[in-house]
């Protein structure tokens, strides 16, 4: 046949084998993720009421776990989480971070951080991170920012019934007047 060109003629293109990758990019990303996580944890620890903090960062996803004093009321913990969120929101690397104050989740974050440093596969860590985020934030932030109409009839029109988000456009409804 056409020698080296045969696979291309069949719709296939030669791809460099991923096993030849030295892993430098992955390691650099891991190192950068750990540095970013350390930075976010330091920002969180600077907030009054936070005893200790840890963070896990994978790409653009970040979860920051905080330890607070045991004698605090639930509302006080919420206020501290909000303050941490404000501090992180003002930092470009923490703008989309999710904040948790649950001891069990913090233990999981500590284990994930160790796994990242130890070079464990990122896929499993990413799944666990997604599980944590799904537990504490079942809706995505874009859904939370969407204004809810006061009129129940309009609310039903805008509520998707197939589980998908609707694109409300500019947020204004058009009326047909013919």
N, C-alpha and C. Protein backbone atom coordinates (compact mmCIF):
# COMPACT_ATOMS: atom_id res chain seq x y z
N UNK A 1 0.83 -1.19 0.00
CA UNK A 1 0.00 0.00 0.00
C UNK A 1 0.86 1.23 0.00
N UNK A 2 0.43 2.26 0.69
CA UNK A 2 1.12 3.54 0.66
C UNK A 2 2.17 3.69 1.73
N UNK A 3 2.63 2.63 2.36
CA UNK A 3 3.67 2.73 3.38
C UNK A 3 3.18 3.46 4.61
N UNK A 4 3.88 4.53 4.99
CA UNK A 4 3.54 5.30 6.19
C UNK A 4 2.24 6.07 6.06
N UNK A 5 1.78 6.31 4.83
CA UNK A 5 0.57 7.09 4.62
C UNK A 5 -0.69 6.25 4.70
N UNK A 6 -0.59 4.94 4.76
CA UNK A 6 -1.76 4.07 4.74
C UNK A 6 -2.73 4.37 5.88
N UNK A 7 -2.30 4.54 7.13
CA UNK A 7 -3.27 4.82 8.19
C UNK A 7 -4.01 6.14 7.96
N UNK A 8 -3.33 7.14 7.41
CA UNK A 8 -3.98 8.43 7.18
C UNK A 8 -5.07 8.30 6.13
N UNK A 9 -4.85 7.47 5.11
CA UNK A 9 -5.86 7.30 4.06
C UNK A 9 -7.10 6.61 4.61
N UNK A 10 -6.96 5.81 5.66
CA UNK A 10 -8.10 5.10 6.25
C UNK A 10 -8.81 5.96 7.30
N UNK A 11 -8.40 7.18 7.48
CA UNK A 11 -9.03 8.03 8.48
C UNK A 11 -8.34 8.00 9.84
N UNK A 12 -7.23 7.32 9.93
CA UNK A 12 -6.48 7.26 11.18
C UNK A 12 -5.24 8.13 11.06
N UNK A 13 -4.87 8.71 12.14
CA UNK A 13 -3.70 9.56 12.14
C UNK A 13 -2.75 9.07 13.21
N UNK A 14 -1.46 9.03 12.90
CA UNK A 14 -0.50 8.56 13.90
C UNK A 14 -0.49 9.48 15.12
N UNK A 15 -0.52 8.87 16.28
CA UNK A 15 -0.53 9.61 17.53
C UNK A 15 0.65 9.13 18.36
N UNK A 16 1.34 10.06 18.94
CA UNK A 16 2.48 9.69 19.78
C UNK A 16 1.96 8.95 21.01
N UNK A 17 2.57 7.84 21.33
CA UNK A 17 2.15 7.02 22.45
C UNK A 17 2.32 7.80 23.75
N UNK A 18 1.27 7.84 24.54
CA UNK A 18 1.31 8.60 25.79
C UNK A 18 2.29 8.00 26.80
N UNK A 19 2.60 6.72 26.68
CA UNK A 19 3.52 6.12 27.63
C UNK A 19 4.93 6.67 27.47
N UNK A 20 5.21 7.31 26.33
CA UNK A 20 6.53 7.90 26.13
C UNK A 20 6.66 9.24 26.86
N UNK A 21 5.57 9.75 27.37
CA UNK A 21 5.58 11.02 28.08
C UNK A 21 6.41 10.88 29.35
N UNK A 22 7.26 11.83 29.58
CA UNK A 22 8.13 11.78 30.75
C UNK A 22 7.37 12.09 32.03
N UNK A 23 6.18 12.66 31.91
CA UNK A 23 5.40 12.99 33.09
C UNK A 23 5.74 14.34 33.67
N UNK A 24 6.65 15.07 33.03
CA UNK A 24 7.05 16.36 33.58
C UNK A 24 5.87 17.32 33.69
N UNK A 25 5.01 17.34 32.67
CA UNK A 25 3.87 18.24 32.71
C UNK A 25 2.95 17.89 33.87
N UNK A 26 2.67 16.59 34.05
CA UNK A 26 1.82 16.16 35.14
C UNK A 26 2.43 16.56 36.47
N UNK A 27 3.72 16.32 36.63
CA UNK A 27 4.38 16.66 37.88
C UNK A 27 4.40 18.17 38.11
N UNK A 28 4.63 18.94 37.02
CA UNK A 28 4.61 20.39 37.17
C UNK A 28 3.22 20.85 37.59
N UNK A 29 2.17 20.27 36.99
CA UNK A 29 0.82 20.63 37.37
C UNK A 29 0.54 20.24 38.81
N UNK A 30 1.01 19.08 39.21
CA UNK A 30 0.83 18.66 40.60
C UNK A 30 1.51 19.65 41.54
N UNK A 31 2.74 20.00 41.20
CA UNK A 31 3.47 20.95 42.05
C UNK A 31 2.75 22.29 42.11
N UNK A 32 2.27 22.76 40.98
CA UNK A 32 1.55 24.04 40.94
C UNK A 32 0.24 23.93 41.73
N UNK A 33 -0.45 22.79 41.59
CA UNK A 33 -1.69 22.60 42.34
C UNK A 33 -1.44 22.60 43.85
N UNK A 34 -0.35 21.95 44.27
CA UNK A 34 -0.02 21.92 45.70
C UNK A 34 0.33 23.32 46.19
N UNK A 35 1.09 24.08 45.39
CA UNK A 35 1.43 25.46 45.77
C UNK A 35 0.16 26.31 45.89
N UNK A 36 -0.74 26.16 44.93
CA UNK A 36 -1.99 26.91 44.98
C UNK A 36 -2.81 26.50 46.19
N UNK A 37 -2.85 25.20 46.48
CA UNK A 37 -3.59 24.71 47.65
C UNK A 37 -3.01 25.29 48.93
N UNK A 38 -1.68 25.33 49.03
CA UNK A 38 -1.04 25.92 50.21
C UNK A 38 -1.42 27.39 50.35
N UNK A 39 -1.42 28.10 49.24
CA UNK A 39 -1.77 29.52 49.24
C UNK A 39 -3.22 29.72 49.71
N UNK A 40 -4.14 28.92 49.19
CA UNK A 40 -5.55 29.06 49.58
C UNK A 40 -5.74 28.71 51.05
N UNK A 41 -5.03 27.70 51.54
CA UNK A 41 -5.13 27.33 52.95
C UNK A 41 -4.61 28.46 53.84
N UNK A 42 -3.52 29.10 53.42
CA UNK A 42 -2.98 30.24 54.19
C UNK A 42 -3.98 31.39 54.23
N UNK A 43 -4.62 31.67 53.11
CA UNK A 43 -5.64 32.73 53.09
C UNK A 43 -6.78 32.40 54.04
N UNK A 44 -7.21 31.14 54.03
CA UNK A 44 -8.32 30.73 54.90
C UNK A 44 -7.92 30.82 56.37
N UNK A 45 -6.69 30.42 56.69
CA UNK A 45 -6.24 30.45 58.08
C UNK A 45 -6.11 31.87 58.62
N UNK A 46 -6.00 32.85 57.75
CA UNK A 46 -5.90 34.24 58.19
C UNK A 46 -7.25 34.80 58.65
N UNK A 47 -8.33 34.09 58.37
CA UNK A 47 -9.66 34.55 58.77
C UNK A 47 -9.88 34.25 60.24
N UNK A 48 -10.40 35.23 60.97
CA UNK A 48 -10.67 35.07 62.39
C UNK A 48 -11.67 33.93 62.62
N UNK A 49 -11.32 33.01 63.50
CA UNK A 49 -12.18 31.88 63.82
C UNK A 49 -11.75 30.58 63.17
N UNK A 50 -10.80 30.65 62.23
CA UNK A 50 -10.30 29.44 61.57
C UNK A 50 -9.05 28.97 62.30
N UNK A 51 -9.11 27.75 62.86
CA UNK A 51 -7.96 27.18 63.56
C UNK A 51 -6.93 26.64 62.58
N UNK A 52 -7.42 25.95 61.56
CA UNK A 52 -6.54 25.26 60.63
C UNK A 52 -7.28 25.15 59.30
N UNK A 53 -6.53 25.06 58.22
CA UNK A 53 -7.15 24.90 56.90
C UNK A 53 -6.28 24.03 56.03
N UNK A 54 -6.94 23.38 55.09
CA UNK A 54 -6.25 22.61 54.08
C UNK A 54 -7.03 22.79 52.79
N UNK A 55 -6.36 22.56 51.67
CA UNK A 55 -7.02 22.72 50.38
C UNK A 55 -6.53 21.66 49.42
N UNK A 56 -7.40 21.29 48.50
CA UNK A 56 -7.04 20.41 47.40
C UNK A 56 -7.41 21.15 46.13
N UNK A 57 -6.44 21.24 45.23
CA UNK A 57 -6.65 21.92 43.95
C UNK A 57 -6.27 20.95 42.84
N UNK A 58 -7.19 20.80 41.91
CA UNK A 58 -6.93 20.03 40.70
C UNK A 58 -7.38 20.88 39.53
N UNK A 59 -6.42 21.46 38.84
CA UNK A 59 -6.76 22.34 37.73
C UNK A 59 -7.51 23.56 38.22
N UNK A 60 -8.72 23.74 37.70
CA UNK A 60 -9.50 24.92 38.11
C UNK A 60 -10.46 24.62 39.25
N UNK A 61 -10.40 23.41 39.80
CA UNK A 61 -11.28 23.03 40.90
C UNK A 61 -10.52 23.10 42.21
N UNK A 62 -11.16 23.69 43.22
CA UNK A 62 -10.53 23.80 44.53
C UNK A 62 -11.57 23.60 45.63
N UNK A 63 -11.19 22.84 46.64
CA UNK A 63 -12.00 22.68 47.83
C UNK A 63 -11.11 23.03 49.01
N UNK A 64 -11.60 23.93 49.86
CA UNK A 64 -10.86 24.36 51.03
C UNK A 64 -11.62 23.88 52.26
N UNK A 65 -10.94 23.12 53.10
CA UNK A 65 -11.54 22.65 54.34
C UNK A 65 -11.00 23.45 55.51
N UNK A 66 -11.90 23.88 56.38
CA UNK A 66 -11.47 24.67 57.54
C UNK A 66 -11.87 23.97 58.83
N UNK A 67 -11.01 24.10 59.83
CA UNK A 67 -11.32 23.66 61.19
C UNK A 67 -11.68 24.90 61.99
N UNK A 68 -12.80 24.82 62.70
CA UNK A 68 -13.22 25.94 63.55
C UNK A 68 -13.30 25.43 64.98
N UNK A 69 -13.46 26.33 65.91
CA UNK A 69 -13.53 25.97 67.32
C UNK A 69 -14.83 25.22 67.60
N UNK A 70 -14.75 24.19 68.45
CA UNK A 70 -15.89 23.30 68.69
C UNK A 70 -17.07 23.99 69.37
N UNK A 71 -16.84 25.02 70.13
CA UNK A 71 -17.92 25.64 70.90
C UNK A 71 -18.74 26.65 70.09
N UNK A 72 -18.50 26.75 68.80
CA UNK A 72 -19.22 27.71 67.97
C UNK A 72 -20.61 27.19 67.60
N UNK A 73 -21.55 28.12 67.52
CA UNK A 73 -22.89 27.80 67.03
C UNK A 73 -22.81 27.59 65.52
N UNK A 74 -23.81 26.89 65.01
CA UNK A 74 -23.85 26.60 63.57
C UNK A 74 -23.85 27.89 62.74
N UNK A 75 -24.58 28.90 63.20
CA UNK A 75 -24.64 30.17 62.45
C UNK A 75 -23.28 30.86 62.44
N UNK A 76 -22.53 30.71 63.54
CA UNK A 76 -21.19 31.30 63.58
C UNK A 76 -20.25 30.60 62.59
N UNK A 77 -20.40 29.29 62.48
CA UNK A 77 -19.59 28.54 61.51
C UNK A 77 -19.93 29.02 60.10
N UNK A 78 -21.21 29.22 59.84
CA UNK A 78 -21.63 29.72 58.54
C UNK A 78 -21.05 31.09 58.24
N UNK A 79 -20.99 31.94 59.25
CA UNK A 79 -20.41 33.27 59.08
C UNK A 79 -18.92 33.18 58.76
N UNK A 80 -18.23 32.27 59.44
CA UNK A 80 -16.80 32.09 59.18
C UNK A 80 -16.59 31.54 57.77
N UNK A 81 -17.40 30.57 57.36
CA UNK A 81 -17.29 30.03 56.00
C UNK A 81 -17.52 31.14 54.97
N UNK A 82 -18.49 32.00 55.25
CA UNK A 82 -18.76 33.11 54.34
C UNK A 82 -17.55 34.04 54.26
N UNK A 83 -16.95 34.35 55.42
CA UNK A 83 -15.77 35.23 55.44
C UNK A 83 -14.61 34.60 54.66
N UNK A 84 -14.42 33.30 54.82
CA UNK A 84 -13.37 32.61 54.06
C UNK A 84 -13.68 32.69 52.57
N UNK A 85 -14.94 32.49 52.22
CA UNK A 85 -15.35 32.58 50.82
C UNK A 85 -15.07 33.95 50.23
N UNK A 86 -15.32 35.00 51.01
CA UNK A 86 -15.06 36.36 50.53
C UNK A 86 -13.56 36.58 50.29
N UNK A 87 -12.74 36.09 51.21
CA UNK A 87 -11.29 36.24 51.06
C UNK A 87 -10.82 35.49 49.81
N UNK A 88 -11.30 34.27 49.64
CA UNK A 88 -10.88 33.46 48.49
C UNK A 88 -11.42 34.02 47.19
N UNK A 89 -12.62 34.57 47.23
CA UNK A 89 -13.22 35.13 46.02
C UNK A 89 -12.40 36.30 45.48
N UNK A 90 -11.73 37.01 46.36
CA UNK A 90 -10.91 38.15 45.96
C UNK A 90 -9.53 37.75 45.46
N UNK A 91 -9.23 36.47 45.49
CA UNK A 91 -7.96 35.96 44.98
C UNK A 91 -8.26 35.18 43.70
N UNK A 92 -7.56 35.48 42.61
CA UNK A 92 -7.87 34.81 41.34
C UNK A 92 -7.76 33.28 41.41
N UNK A 93 -6.90 32.77 42.27
CA UNK A 93 -6.73 31.32 42.35
C UNK A 93 -7.79 30.65 43.22
N UNK A 94 -8.51 31.45 44.00
CA UNK A 94 -9.52 30.86 44.88
C UNK A 94 -10.92 31.31 44.59
N UNK A 95 -11.10 32.00 43.48
CA UNK A 95 -12.40 32.61 43.17
C UNK A 95 -13.54 31.61 43.12
N UNK A 96 -13.29 30.40 42.68
CA UNK A 96 -14.36 29.40 42.56
C UNK A 96 -14.24 28.28 43.58
N UNK A 97 -13.50 28.50 44.64
CA UNK A 97 -13.29 27.45 45.63
C UNK A 97 -14.56 27.17 46.41
N UNK A 98 -14.72 25.91 46.79
CA UNK A 98 -15.81 25.48 47.66
C UNK A 98 -15.22 25.34 49.05
N UNK A 99 -15.93 25.86 50.06
CA UNK A 99 -15.44 25.82 51.44
C UNK A 99 -16.27 24.84 52.24
N UNK A 100 -15.59 23.96 52.98
CA UNK A 100 -16.27 23.01 53.85
C UNK A 100 -15.72 23.15 55.26
N UNK A 101 -16.57 22.84 56.24
CA UNK A 101 -16.14 22.89 57.64
C UNK A 101 -16.57 21.62 58.36
N UNK A 102 -16.51 20.51 57.67
CA UNK A 102 -16.93 19.22 58.20
C UNK A 102 -15.69 18.37 58.50
N UNK A 103 -15.55 17.86 59.73
CA UNK A 103 -14.35 17.09 60.07
C UNK A 103 -14.12 15.87 59.18
N UNK A 104 -15.19 15.17 58.80
CA UNK A 104 -15.02 14.00 57.93
C UNK A 104 -14.52 14.40 56.55
N UNK A 105 -15.09 15.46 55.99
CA UNK A 105 -14.65 15.93 54.68
C UNK A 105 -13.22 16.45 54.75
N UNK A 106 -12.88 17.10 55.86
CA UNK A 106 -11.51 17.59 56.02
C UNK A 106 -10.52 16.44 56.06
N UNK A 107 -10.90 15.34 56.70
CA UNK A 107 -10.02 14.16 56.73
C UNK A 107 -9.84 13.61 55.31
N UNK A 108 -10.92 13.59 54.53
CA UNK A 108 -10.81 13.14 53.14
C UNK A 108 -9.91 14.07 52.33
N UNK A 109 -10.04 15.38 52.56
CA UNK A 109 -9.18 16.33 51.86
C UNK A 109 -7.71 16.10 52.21
N UNK A 110 -7.43 15.83 53.49
CA UNK A 110 -6.06 15.54 53.91
C UNK A 110 -5.51 14.31 53.18
N UNK A 111 -6.34 13.26 53.05
CA UNK A 111 -5.92 12.05 52.35
C UNK A 111 -5.69 12.33 50.86
N UNK A 112 -6.59 13.10 50.25
CA UNK A 112 -6.42 13.43 48.83
C UNK A 112 -5.16 14.24 48.60
N UNK A 113 -4.89 15.17 49.48
CA UNK A 113 -3.68 15.99 49.36
C UNK A 113 -2.44 15.09 49.41
N UNK A 114 -2.43 14.16 50.33
CA UNK A 114 -1.31 13.22 50.44
C UNK A 114 -1.19 12.39 49.17
N UNK A 115 -2.33 11.94 48.63
CA UNK A 115 -2.31 11.15 47.40
C UNK A 115 -1.74 11.95 46.23
N UNK A 116 -2.09 13.22 46.15
CA UNK A 116 -1.57 14.08 45.08
C UNK A 116 -0.06 14.22 45.20
N UNK A 117 0.40 14.48 46.42
CA UNK A 117 1.84 14.64 46.67
C UNK A 117 2.58 13.33 46.38
N UNK A 118 1.95 12.19 46.72
CA UNK A 118 2.56 10.88 46.49
C UNK A 118 2.51 10.44 45.03
N UNK A 119 1.84 11.22 44.17
CA UNK A 119 1.81 10.90 42.75
C UNK A 119 0.76 9.88 42.34
N UNK A 120 -0.24 9.67 43.17
CA UNK A 120 -1.32 8.74 42.82
C UNK A 120 -2.08 9.25 41.60
N UNK A 121 -2.77 8.36 40.87
CA UNK A 121 -3.52 8.78 39.68
C UNK A 121 -4.56 9.85 40.01
N UNK A 122 -4.61 10.85 39.17
CA UNK A 122 -5.48 12.01 39.41
C UNK A 122 -6.95 11.66 39.20
N UNK A 123 -7.26 10.69 38.34
CA UNK A 123 -8.66 10.37 38.06
C UNK A 123 -9.44 10.01 39.31
N UNK A 124 -8.90 9.14 40.14
CA UNK A 124 -9.57 8.75 41.38
C UNK A 124 -9.72 9.92 42.33
N UNK A 125 -8.69 10.75 42.40
CA UNK A 125 -8.73 11.92 43.28
C UNK A 125 -9.80 12.89 42.79
N UNK A 126 -9.88 13.07 41.47
CA UNK A 126 -10.87 13.98 40.89
C UNK A 126 -12.28 13.49 41.18
N UNK A 127 -12.51 12.18 41.09
CA UNK A 127 -13.83 11.63 41.38
C UNK A 127 -14.21 11.88 42.84
N UNK A 128 -13.27 11.70 43.74
CA UNK A 128 -13.55 11.93 45.15
C UNK A 128 -13.81 13.41 45.43
N UNK A 129 -13.05 14.27 44.76
CA UNK A 129 -13.26 15.71 44.90
C UNK A 129 -14.65 16.09 44.39
N UNK A 130 -15.05 15.51 43.27
CA UNK A 130 -16.39 15.77 42.72
C UNK A 130 -17.47 15.28 43.68
N UNK A 131 -17.23 14.16 44.34
CA UNK A 131 -18.18 13.64 45.32
C UNK A 131 -18.35 14.61 46.48
N UNK A 132 -17.25 15.15 46.97
CA UNK A 132 -17.32 16.12 48.07
C UNK A 132 -18.10 17.36 47.64
N UNK A 133 -17.77 17.88 46.47
CA UNK A 133 -18.46 19.08 45.99
C UNK A 133 -19.95 18.79 45.80
N UNK A 134 -20.28 17.62 45.28
CA UNK A 134 -21.68 17.25 45.10
C UNK A 134 -22.43 17.14 46.40
N UNK A 135 -21.76 16.74 47.46
CA UNK A 135 -22.40 16.64 48.78
C UNK A 135 -22.71 18.01 49.36
N UNK A 136 -21.77 18.93 49.24
CA UNK A 136 -21.95 20.23 49.90
C UNK A 136 -22.63 21.26 49.01
N UNK A 137 -22.64 21.02 47.71
CA UNK A 137 -23.20 22.01 46.80
C UNK A 137 -23.90 21.29 45.65
N UNK A 138 -25.13 20.83 45.88
CA UNK A 138 -25.80 20.06 44.84
C UNK A 138 -26.17 20.87 43.60
N UNK A 139 -26.11 22.19 43.67
CA UNK A 139 -26.38 23.04 42.51
C UNK A 139 -25.10 23.77 42.14
N UNK A 140 -24.94 24.05 40.86
CA UNK A 140 -23.77 24.80 40.43
C UNK A 140 -24.00 26.28 40.69
N UNK A 141 -22.94 27.06 40.89
CA UNK A 141 -23.10 28.47 41.23
C UNK A 141 -23.95 29.25 40.25
N UNK A 142 -23.89 28.96 38.96
CA UNK A 142 -24.70 29.68 37.99
C UNK A 142 -26.18 29.52 38.27
N UNK A 143 -26.59 28.34 38.75
CA UNK A 143 -27.98 28.11 39.10
C UNK A 143 -28.39 28.94 40.30
N UNK A 144 -27.47 29.16 41.21
CA UNK A 144 -27.79 29.89 42.43
C UNK A 144 -27.95 31.37 42.16
N UNK A 145 -27.28 31.88 41.14
CA UNK A 145 -27.35 33.30 40.84
C UNK A 145 -28.59 33.68 40.04
N UNK A 146 -29.28 32.69 39.48
CA UNK A 146 -30.44 32.96 38.64
C UNK A 146 -31.57 33.52 39.50
N UNK A 147 -32.10 34.69 39.15
CA UNK A 147 -33.18 35.25 39.95
C UNK A 147 -34.45 34.41 39.83
N UNK A 148 -35.15 34.26 40.94
CA UNK A 148 -36.38 33.49 40.96
C UNK A 148 -37.55 34.46 40.83
N UNK A 149 -38.40 34.26 39.81
CA UNK A 149 -39.54 35.16 39.64
C UNK A 149 -40.51 35.05 40.82
N UNK A 150 -41.12 36.17 41.19
CA UNK A 150 -42.07 36.18 42.30
C UNK A 150 -43.39 35.55 41.89
N UNK A 151 -43.76 35.65 40.63
CA UNK A 151 -45.01 35.11 40.12
C UNK A 151 -44.84 33.60 39.89
N UNK A 152 -45.61 32.75 40.61
CA UNK A 152 -45.47 31.30 40.45
C UNK A 152 -45.70 30.82 39.02
N UNK A 153 -46.57 31.48 38.27
CA UNK A 153 -46.83 31.06 36.89
C UNK A 153 -45.58 31.22 36.04
N UNK A 154 -44.86 32.34 36.22
CA UNK A 154 -43.61 32.56 35.49
C UNK A 154 -42.55 31.56 35.94
N UNK A 155 -42.53 31.26 37.24
CA UNK A 155 -41.54 30.34 37.78
C UNK A 155 -41.70 28.97 37.13
N UNK A 156 -42.94 28.50 36.94
CA UNK A 156 -43.17 27.21 36.30
C UNK A 156 -42.72 27.21 34.85
N UNK A 157 -42.92 28.32 34.14
CA UNK A 157 -42.50 28.42 32.75
C UNK A 157 -40.99 28.31 32.62
N UNK A 158 -40.27 28.90 33.57
CA UNK A 158 -38.81 28.95 33.48
C UNK A 158 -38.14 27.72 34.06
N UNK A 159 -38.89 26.88 34.76
CA UNK A 159 -38.30 25.70 35.37
C UNK A 159 -38.20 24.60 34.33
N UNK A 160 -36.99 24.13 34.05
CA UNK A 160 -36.85 23.06 33.07
C UNK A 160 -37.46 21.77 33.61
N UNK A 161 -38.14 21.03 32.77
CA UNK A 161 -38.75 19.79 33.23
C UNK A 161 -37.99 18.56 32.77
N UNK A 162 -36.91 18.74 32.05
CA UNK A 162 -36.13 17.59 31.60
C UNK A 162 -34.76 17.50 32.27
N UNK A 163 -34.55 18.26 33.33
CA UNK A 163 -33.30 18.20 34.07
C UNK A 163 -32.20 19.06 33.51
N UNK A 164 -32.44 19.72 32.37
CA UNK A 164 -31.41 20.56 31.78
C UNK A 164 -31.68 22.01 32.11
N UNK A 165 -30.62 22.79 32.18
CA UNK A 165 -30.77 24.22 32.42
C UNK A 165 -31.24 24.89 31.16
N UNK A 166 -32.10 25.87 31.34
CA UNK A 166 -32.52 26.66 30.20
C UNK A 166 -31.65 27.89 30.13
N UNK A 167 -31.45 28.39 28.94
CA UNK A 167 -30.70 29.62 28.77
C UNK A 167 -31.70 30.76 28.74
N UNK A 168 -31.76 31.55 29.82
CA UNK A 168 -32.77 32.60 29.88
C UNK A 168 -32.44 33.80 29.01
N UNK A 169 -31.33 33.77 28.28
CA UNK A 169 -30.96 34.92 27.45
C UNK A 169 -30.59 36.09 28.31
N UNK A 170 -31.24 37.23 28.09
CA UNK A 170 -30.89 38.41 28.87
C UNK A 170 -31.77 38.55 30.10
N UNK A 171 -32.58 37.53 30.40
CA UNK A 171 -33.39 37.55 31.60
C UNK A 171 -34.73 38.25 31.41
N UNK A 172 -35.00 38.76 30.23
CA UNK A 172 -36.27 39.43 29.98
C UNK A 172 -37.13 38.55 29.09
N UNK A 173 -38.39 38.49 29.44
CA UNK A 173 -39.31 37.72 28.62
C UNK A 173 -39.85 38.59 27.51
N UNK A 174 -40.02 38.00 26.37
CA UNK A 174 -40.61 38.72 25.26
C UNK A 174 -42.09 38.37 25.19
N UNK A 175 -42.90 39.34 24.96
CA UNK A 175 -44.32 39.07 24.79
C UNK A 175 -44.69 39.29 23.34
N UNK A 176 -45.55 38.42 22.87
CA UNK A 176 -46.00 38.55 21.48
C UNK A 176 -47.27 39.36 21.45
N UNK A 177 -47.20 40.44 20.78
CA UNK A 177 -48.38 41.27 20.60
C UNK A 177 -48.58 41.46 19.12
N UNK A 178 -49.59 40.81 18.59
CA UNK A 178 -49.81 40.89 17.15
C UNK A 178 -51.10 41.58 16.85
